[in-house]
PDB file of N, CA and C in Angstrom:
ATOM      1  N   UNK A   1    -146.676 -72.295   2.483  1.00  0.00           N
ATOM      2  CA  UNK A   1    -146.514 -71.733   1.220  1.00  0.00           C
ATOM      3  C   UNK A   1    -147.047 -72.685   0.036  1.00  0.00           C
ATOM      4  N   UNK A   2    -146.842 -73.996   0.196  1.00  0.00           N
ATOM      5  CA  UNK A   2    -147.240 -74.848  -0.783  1.00  0.00           C
ATOM      6  C   UNK A   2    -148.844 -74.817  -0.864  1.00  0.00           C
ATOM      7  N   UNK A   3    -149.405 -74.570   0.261  1.00  0.00           N
ATOM      8  CA  UNK A   3    -151.026 -74.696   0.108  1.00  0.00           C
ATOM      9  C   UNK A   3    -151.524 -73.499  -0.705  1.00  0.00           C
ATOM     10  N   UNK A   4    -150.908 -72.481  -0.531  1.00  0.00           N
ATOM     11  CA  UNK A   4    -151.281 -71.179  -1.402  1.00  0.00           C
ATOM     12  C   UNK A   4    -150.733 -71.100  -2.801  1.00  0.00           C
ATOM     13  N   UNK A   5    -149.972 -72.042  -3.119  1.00  0.00           N
ATOM     14  CA  UNK A   5    -149.294 -72.043  -4.426  1.00  0.00           C
ATOM     15  C   UNK A   5    -148.472 -70.660  -4.770  1.00  0.00           C
ATOM     16  N   UNK A   6    -147.763 -70.225  -3.612  1.00  0.00           N
ATOM     17  CA  UNK A   6    -147.173 -68.973  -3.782  1.00  0.00           C
ATOM     18  C   UNK A   6    -146.206 -68.857  -4.939  1.00  0.00           C
ATOM     19  N   UNK A   7    -145.287 -69.857  -5.237  1.00  0.00           N
ATOM     20  CA  UNK A   7    -144.436 -69.894  -6.204  1.00  0.00           C
ATOM     21  C   UNK A   7    -144.971 -69.602  -7.507  1.00  0.00           C
ATOM     22  N   UNK A   8    -146.210 -70.080  -7.857  1.00  0.00           N
ATOM     23  CA  UNK A   8    -146.922 -70.003  -9.043  1.00  0.00           C
ATOM     24  C   UNK A   8    -147.250 -68.496  -9.205  1.00  0.00           C
ATOM     25  N   UNK A   9    -147.652 -67.957  -8.081  1.00  0.00           N
ATOM     26  CA  UNK A   9    -148.211 -66.585  -8.072  1.00  0.00           C
ATOM     27  C   UNK A   9    -147.081 -65.504  -8.251  1.00  0.00           C
ATOM     28  N   UNK A  10    -145.799 -66.056  -7.816  1.00  0.00           N
ATOM     29  CA  UNK A  10    -144.762 -65.004  -7.802  1.00  0.00           C
ATOM     30  C   UNK A  10    -144.115 -64.951  -9.136  1.00  0.00           C
ATOM     31  N   UNK A  11    -144.446 -65.917 -10.037  1.00  0.00           N
ATOM     32  CA  UNK A  11    -143.611 -66.206 -11.161  1.00  0.00           C
ATOM     33  C   UNK A  11    -143.442 -64.819 -12.077  1.00  0.00           C
ATOM     34  N   UNK A  12    -144.328 -64.033 -12.188  1.00  0.00           N
ATOM     35  CA  UNK A  12    -144.215 -62.864 -13.123  1.00  0.00           C
ATOM     36  C   UNK A  12    -144.601 -61.559 -12.249  1.00  0.00           C
ATOM     37  N   UNK A  13    -144.342 -61.566 -10.830  1.00  0.00           N
ATOM     38  CA  UNK A  13    -144.592 -60.602 -10.011  1.00  0.00           C
ATOM     39  C   UNK A  13    -143.546 -59.502 -10.080  1.00  0.00           C
ATOM     40  N   UNK A  14    -143.766 -58.229  -9.902  1.00  0.00           N
ATOM     41  CA  UNK A  14    -142.796 -57.166  -9.837  1.00  0.00           C
ATOM     42  C   UNK A  14    -142.384 -57.007  -8.408  1.00  0.00           C
ATOM     43  N   UNK A  15    -143.236 -57.103  -7.494  1.00  0.00           N
ATOM     44  CA  UNK A  15    -142.952 -56.868  -6.065  1.00  0.00           C
ATOM     45  C   UNK A  15    -143.875 -57.708  -5.289  1.00  0.00           C
ATOM     46  N   UNK A  16    -143.789 -57.892  -4.073  1.00  0.00           N
ATOM     47  CA  UNK A  16    -144.609 -58.556  -3.077  1.00  0.00           C
ATOM     48  C   UNK A  16    -144.790 -57.632  -1.879  1.00  0.00           C
ATOM     49  N   UNK A  17    -146.075 -57.583  -1.407  1.00  0.00           N
ATOM     50  CA  UNK A  17    -146.617 -56.868  -0.220  1.00  0.00           C
ATOM     51  C   UNK A  17    -147.174 -57.997   0.757  1.00  0.00           C
ATOM     52  N   UNK A  18    -146.571 -57.978   1.930  1.00  0.00           N
ATOM     53  CA  UNK A  18    -147.092 -58.882   3.023  1.00  0.00           C
ATOM     54  C   UNK A  18    -147.114 -58.057   4.357  1.00  0.00           C
ATOM     55  N   UNK A  19    -147.734 -58.702   5.362  1.00  0.00           N
ATOM     56  CA  UNK A  19    -147.794 -57.975   6.635  1.00  0.00           C
ATOM     57  C   UNK A  19    -147.892 -58.817   7.808  1.00  0.00           C
ATOM     58  N   UNK A  20    -147.711 -58.231   8.999  1.00  0.00           N
ATOM     59  CA  UNK A  20    -147.806 -59.081  10.217  1.00  0.00           C
ATOM     60  C   UNK A  20    -148.178 -57.937  11.339  1.00  0.00           C
ATOM     61  N   UNK A  21    -148.889 -58.448  12.469  1.00  0.00           N
ATOM     62  CA  UNK A  21    -149.196 -57.536  13.492  1.00  0.00           C
ATOM     63  C   UNK A  21    -148.013 -56.970  14.089  1.00  0.00           C
ATOM     64  N   UNK A  22    -146.974 -57.818  14.426  1.00  0.00           N
ATOM     65  CA  UNK A  22    -145.627 -57.506  15.073  1.00  0.00           C
ATOM     66  C   UNK A  22    -144.689 -58.103  14.540  1.00  0.00           C
ATOM     67  N   UNK A  23    -143.511 -57.456  14.104  1.00  0.00           N
ATOM     68  CA  UNK A  23    -142.369 -57.978  13.758  1.00  0.00           C
ATOM     69  C   UNK A  23    -141.394 -58.204  15.086  1.00  0.00           C
ATOM     70  N   UNK A  24    -141.021 -59.419  15.273  1.00  0.00           N
ATOM     71  CA  UNK A  24    -140.360 -59.712  16.429  1.00  0.00           C
ATOM     72  C   UNK A  24    -139.342 -60.922  16.195  1.00  0.00           C
ATOM     73  N   UNK A  25    -138.752 -61.404  17.238  1.00  0.00           N
ATOM     74  CA  UNK A  25    -137.829 -62.510  17.207  1.00  0.00           C
ATOM     75  C   UNK A  25    -138.596 -63.854  16.503  1.00  0.00           C
ATOM     76  N   UNK A  26    -139.872 -64.066  16.715  1.00  0.00           N
ATOM     77  CA  UNK A  26    -140.515 -65.049  16.155  1.00  0.00           C
ATOM     78  C   UNK A  26    -140.644 -65.051  14.724  1.00  0.00           C
ATOM     79  N   UNK A  27    -140.575 -63.829  14.207  1.00  0.00           N
ATOM     80  CA  UNK A  27    -140.648 -63.625  12.619  1.00  0.00           C
ATOM     81  C   UNK A  27    -139.560 -64.228  12.003  1.00  0.00           C
ATOM     82  N   UNK A  28    -138.510 -64.420  12.364  1.00  0.00           N
ATOM     83  CA  UNK A  28    -137.332 -65.020  11.711  1.00  0.00           C
ATOM     84  C   UNK A  28    -137.543 -66.640  11.787  1.00  0.00           C
ATOM     85  N   UNK A  29    -138.411 -67.036  12.823  1.00  0.00           N
ATOM     86  CA  UNK A  29    -138.533 -68.387  12.949  1.00  0.00           C
ATOM     87  C   UNK A  29    -139.593 -69.058  12.195  1.00  0.00           C
ATOM     88  N   UNK A  30    -140.201 -68.168  11.339  1.00  0.00           N
ATOM     89  CA  UNK A  30    -141.156 -68.883  10.398  1.00  0.00           C
ATOM     90  C   UNK A  30    -142.497 -68.201  10.327  1.00  0.00           C
ATOM     91  N   UNK A  31    -142.774 -66.970  10.894  1.00  0.00           N
ATOM     92  CA  UNK A  31    -144.123 -66.252  10.434  1.00  0.00           C
ATOM     93  C   UNK A  31    -144.302 -66.079   9.107  1.00  0.00           C
ATOM     94  N   UNK A  32    -145.381 -65.720   8.534  1.00  0.00           N
ATOM     95  CA  UNK A  32    -145.682 -65.691   7.313  1.00  0.00           C
ATOM     96  C   UNK A  32    -144.815 -64.737   6.467  1.00  0.00           C
ATOM     97  N   UNK A  33    -144.451 -63.467   6.971  1.00  0.00           N
ATOM     98  CA  UNK A  33    -143.491 -62.609   6.149  1.00  0.00           C
ATOM     99  C   UNK A  33    -142.203 -63.069   5.826  1.00  0.00           C
ATOM    100  N   UNK A  34    -141.794 -63.745   6.767  1.00  0.00           N
ATOM    101  CA  UNK A  34    -140.411 -64.504   6.500  1.00  0.00           C
ATOM    102  C   UNK A  34    -140.593 -65.591   5.395  1.00  0.00           C
ATOM    103  N   UNK A  35    -141.505 -66.352   5.391  1.00  0.00           N
ATOM    104  CA  UNK A  35    -141.722 -67.389   4.294  1.00  0.00           C
ATOM    105  C   UNK A  35    -141.973 -66.760   2.986  1.00  0.00           C
ATOM    106  N   UNK A  36    -142.703 -65.716   2.961  1.00  0.00           N
ATOM    107  CA  UNK A  36    -142.994 -65.090   1.801  1.00  0.00           C
ATOM    108  C   UNK A  36    -141.604 -64.309   1.109  1.00  0.00           C
ATOM    109  N   UNK A  37    -141.000 -63.735   2.093  1.00  0.00           N
ATOM    110  CA  UNK A  37    -139.622 -63.164   1.684  1.00  0.00           C
ATOM    111  C   UNK A  37    -138.601 -64.172   1.166  1.00  0.00           C
ATOM    112  N   UNK A  38    -138.712 -65.397   1.700  1.00  0.00           N
ATOM    113  CA  UNK A  38    -137.736 -66.335   1.309  1.00  0.00           C
ATOM    114  C   UNK A  38    -138.039 -66.987   0.024  1.00  0.00           C
ATOM    115  N   UNK A  39    -139.375 -67.049  -0.280  1.00  0.00           N
ATOM    116  CA  UNK A  39    -139.813 -67.438  -1.509  1.00  0.00           C
ATOM    117  C   UNK A  39    -139.635 -66.520  -2.726  1.00  0.00           C
ATOM    118  N   UNK A  40    -139.979 -65.287  -2.362  1.00  0.00           N
ATOM    119  CA  UNK A  40    -139.726 -63.988  -3.416  1.00  0.00           C
ATOM    120  C   UNK A  40    -138.240 -63.949  -3.605  1.00  0.00           C
ATOM    121  N   UNK A  41    -137.341 -64.221  -2.791  1.00  0.00           N
ATOM    122  CA  UNK A  41    -135.966 -64.174  -2.862  1.00  0.00           C
ATOM    123  C   UNK A  41    -135.443 -65.068  -3.995  1.00  0.00           C
ATOM    124  N   UNK A  42    -136.091 -66.162  -4.070  1.00  0.00           N
ATOM    125  CA  UNK A  42    -135.724 -67.338  -5.145  1.00  0.00           C
ATOM    126  C   UNK A  42    -135.700 -66.607  -6.635  1.00  0.00           C
ATOM    127  N   UNK A  43    -136.770 -65.598  -6.636  1.00  0.00           N
ATOM    128  CA  UNK A  43    -137.066 -64.987  -7.992  1.00  0.00           C
ATOM    129  C   UNK A  43    -136.388 -63.562  -8.173  1.00  0.00           C
ATOM    130  N   UNK A  44    -135.731 -63.106  -7.097  1.00  0.00           N
ATOM    131  CA  UNK A  44    -135.189 -61.753  -7.012  1.00  0.00           C
ATOM    132  C   UNK A  44    -136.229 -60.790  -7.019  1.00  0.00           C
ATOM    133  N   UNK A  45    -137.450 -60.954  -6.310  1.00  0.00           N
ATOM    134  CA  UNK A  45    -138.552 -60.072  -6.209  1.00  0.00           C
ATOM    135  C   UNK A  45    -138.462 -59.259  -4.948  1.00  0.00           C
ATOM    136  N   UNK A  46    -138.550 -57.959  -4.876  1.00  0.00           N
ATOM    137  CA  UNK A  46    -138.331 -57.216  -3.664  1.00  0.00           C
ATOM    138  C   UNK A  46    -139.658 -57.438  -2.942  1.00  0.00           C
ATOM    139  N   UNK A  47    -139.582 -57.479  -1.503  1.00  0.00           N
ATOM    140  CA  UNK A  47    -140.689 -57.683  -0.665  1.00  0.00           C
ATOM    141  C   UNK A  47    -140.929 -56.427   0.270  1.00  0.00           C
ATOM    142  N   UNK A  48    -142.137 -55.963   0.531  1.00  0.00           N
ATOM    143  CA  UNK A  48    -142.331 -54.857   1.359  1.00  0.00           C
ATOM    144  C   UNK A  48    -143.316 -55.465   2.401  1.00  0.00           C
ATOM    145  N   UNK A  49    -142.993 -55.187   3.682  1.00  0.00           N
ATOM    146  CA  UNK A  49    -143.515 -55.773   4.730  1.00  0.00           C
ATOM    147  C   UNK A  49    -144.170 -54.702   5.628  1.00  0.00           C
ATOM    148  N   UNK A  50    -145.441 -54.749   5.787  1.00  0.00           N
ATOM    149  CA  UNK A  50    -146.143 -53.808   6.625  1.00  0.00           C
ATOM    150  C   UNK A  50    -146.472 -54.278   8.046  1.00  0.00           C
ATOM    151  N   UNK A  51    -146.253 -53.597   9.131  1.00  0.00           N
ATOM    152  CA  UNK A  51    -146.687 -54.165  10.459  1.00  0.00           C
ATOM    153  C   UNK A  51    -147.235 -53.180  11.258  1.00  0.00           C
ATOM    154  N   UNK A  52    -148.101 -53.458  12.238  1.00  0.00           N
ATOM    155  CA  UNK A  52    -148.585 -52.755  13.082  1.00  0.00           C
ATOM    156  C   UNK A  52    -148.579 -53.163  14.431  1.00  0.00           C
ATOM    157  N   UNK A  53    -148.224 -52.398  15.539  1.00  0.00           N
ATOM    158  CA  UNK A  53    -148.092 -52.852  17.007  1.00  0.00           C
ATOM    159  C   UNK A  53    -148.513 -51.659  17.694  1.00  0.00           C
ATOM    160  N   UNK A  54    -149.785 -51.624  18.151  1.00  0.00           N
ATOM    161  CA  UNK A  54    -150.130 -50.376  18.901  1.00  0.00           C
ATOM    162  C   UNK A  54    -149.591 -50.315  20.276  1.00  0.00           C
ATOM    163  N   UNK A  55    -148.799 -51.293  20.708  1.00  0.00           N
ATOM    164  CA  UNK A  55    -148.160 -51.023  21.809  1.00  0.00           C
ATOM    165  C   UNK A  55    -146.637 -50.608  21.790  1.00  0.00           C
ATOM    166  N   UNK A  56    -146.273 -50.207  20.536  1.00  0.00           N
ATOM    167  CA  UNK A  56    -144.933 -49.774  20.152  1.00  0.00           C
ATOM    168  C   UNK A  56    -144.672 -48.501  20.719  1.00  0.00           C
ATOM    169  N   UNK A  57    -143.313 -48.348  21.372  1.00  0.00           N
ATOM    170  CA  UNK A  57    -143.121 -47.152  22.097  1.00  0.00           C
ATOM    171  C   UNK A  57    -141.972 -46.474  21.507  1.00  0.00           C
TER     172      UNK A  57
END
């Protein structure tokens, strides 16, 4: 998150959209959507996460 300077970009955001191919147990361990959500939470910004998994049943 430091590399992208996400905090600076969230400063005046109304909401955040992020995505991942699959949301699973690894997501909570540090995949990008979790990092984005944690950073946005510091500013009270809502986060919308999109995911797609073609093998979803």
